[in-house]
Amino acid sequence: MEPTIAQLQTLYRLCHQLTNMMFQPIYIVRLDERTLNLFMLAGKGEGIEFEIQPNGEY
C-alpha cells in the first residue's frame, strides 16, 4: 500500500509547518493499512498527533 497524492501533499505541508515554522520534531510517519490513513506523531513530548485521510483531510 502507498499513500495517495492528496495524503502526500498534506503530509508535506504539515511537515513544513511543524519543522520550519513551529520547530517541532517529527518522530514517526506511518500508513495504517487497516484505515489507509497516514499517522504522524510529532512535537516535544510526542504530544502532536495527525491522521491524514486518503482524501488529504486531517
C-alpha atoms as a PDB file:
ATOM      1  CA  MET A   1       0.000   0.000   0.000  1.00  0.00           C
ATOM      2  CA  GLU A   2       1.086   3.541  -0.728  1.00  0.00           C
ATOM      3  CA  PRO A   3      -0.329   6.899   0.382  1.00  0.00           C
ATOM      4  CA  THR A   4      -2.444   8.899  -2.053  1.00  0.00           C
ATOM      5  CA  ILE A   5      -1.192  12.056  -3.757  1.00  0.00           C
ATOM      6  CA  ALA A   6      -3.574  14.097  -1.568  1.00  0.00           C
ATOM      7  CA  GLN A   7      -2.128  12.499   1.578  1.00  0.00           C
ATOM      8  CA  LEU A   8       1.422  13.227   0.463  1.00  0.00           C
ATOM      9  CA  GLN A   9       0.599  16.866  -0.289  1.00  0.00           C
ATOM     10  CA  THR A  10      -0.958  17.320   3.156  1.00  0.00           C
ATOM     11  CA  LEU A  11       1.949  15.478   4.788  1.00  0.00           C
ATOM     12  CA  TYR A  12       4.427  17.811   3.096  1.00  0.00           C
ATOM     13  CA  ARG A  13       2.539  20.920   4.291  1.00  0.00           C
ATOM     14  CA  LEU A  14       2.308  19.595   7.859  1.00  0.00           C
ATOM     15  CA  CYS A  15       5.987  18.620   7.945  1.00  0.00           C
ATOM     16  CA  HIS A  16       6.965  22.069   6.695  1.00  0.00           C
ATOM     17  CA  GLN A  17       4.806  23.807   9.302  1.00  0.00           C
ATOM     18  CA  LEU A  18       5.977  21.594  12.160  1.00  0.00           C
ATOM     19  CA  THR A  19       9.700  21.769  11.426  1.00  0.00           C
ATOM     20  CA  ASN A  20      10.269  25.158   9.785  1.00  0.00           C
ATOM     21  CA  MET A  21       7.637  27.305  11.473  1.00  0.00           C
ATOM     22  CA  MET A  22       6.940  25.652  14.840  1.00  0.00           C
ATOM     23  CA  PHE A  23      10.362  23.985  15.322  1.00  0.00           C
ATOM     24  CA  GLN A  24       8.777  20.716  16.476  1.00  0.00           C
ATOM     25  CA  PRO A  25      10.374  17.291  15.971  1.00  0.00           C
ATOM     26  CA  ILE A  26       8.624  14.565  13.976  1.00  0.00           C
ATOM     27  CA  TYR A  27       9.009  11.072  15.409  1.00  0.00           C
ATOM     28  CA  ILE A  28       7.061   8.736  13.163  1.00  0.00           C
ATOM     29  CA  VAL A  29       5.016   8.747   9.973  1.00  0.00           C
ATOM     30  CA  ARG A  30       3.202   5.515   9.168  1.00  0.00           C
ATOM     31  CA  LEU A  31       0.482   4.303   6.827  1.00  0.00           C
ATOM     32  CA  ASP A  32      -2.199   2.421   8.758  1.00  0.00           C
ATOM     33  CA  GLU A  33      -3.059  -0.468   6.450  1.00  0.00           C
ATOM     34  CA  ARG A  34      -6.421  -1.023   8.181  1.00  0.00           C
ATOM     35  CA  THR A  35      -7.797   2.505   7.652  1.00  0.00           C
ATOM     36  CA  LEU A  36      -5.415   3.704   4.886  1.00  0.00           C
ATOM     37  CA  ASN A  37      -4.803   6.852   6.977  1.00  0.00           C
ATOM     38  CA  LEU A  38      -1.324   8.306   7.369  1.00  0.00           C
ATOM     39  CA  PHE A  39      -0.437   8.676  11.045  1.00  0.00           C
ATOM     40  CA  MET A  40       2.090  11.235  12.280  1.00  0.00           C
ATOM     41  CA  LEU A  41       3.452  11.585  15.807  1.00  0.00           C
ATOM     42  CA  ALA A  42       5.316  14.824  16.473  1.00  0.00           C
ATOM     43  CA  GLY A  43       6.055  17.557  18.988  1.00  0.00           C
ATOM     44  CA  LYS A  44       8.105  17.851  22.104  1.00  0.00           C
ATOM     45  CA  GLY A  45       6.857  15.125  24.407  1.00  0.00           C
ATOM     46  CA  GLU A  46       5.170  13.439  21.430  1.00  0.00           C
ATOM     47  CA  GLY A  47       2.037  15.493  22.073  1.00  0.00           C
ATOM     48  CA  ILE A  48       1.001  16.193  18.473  1.00  0.00           C
ATOM     49  CA  GLU A  49      -0.860  13.546  16.500  1.00  0.00           C
ATOM     50  CA  PHE A  50      -2.307  13.742  12.998  1.00  0.00           C
ATOM     51  CA  GLU A  51      -4.231  11.236  10.926  1.00  0.00           C
ATOM     52  CA  ILE A  52      -4.382  12.155   7.258  1.00  0.00           C
ATOM     53  CA  GLN A  53      -7.261  10.524   5.416  1.00  0.00           C
ATOM     54  CA  PRO A  54      -6.924   9.271   1.821  1.00  0.00           C
ATOM     55  CA  ASN A  55      -8.643  12.453   0.567  1.00  0.00           C
ATOM     56  CA  GLY A  56      -5.951  14.596   2.259  1.00  0.00           C
ATOM     57  CA  GLU A  57      -8.081  15.887   5.145  1.00  0.00           C
ATOM     58  CA  TYR A  58      -6.745  15.601   8.681  1.00  0.00           C
END
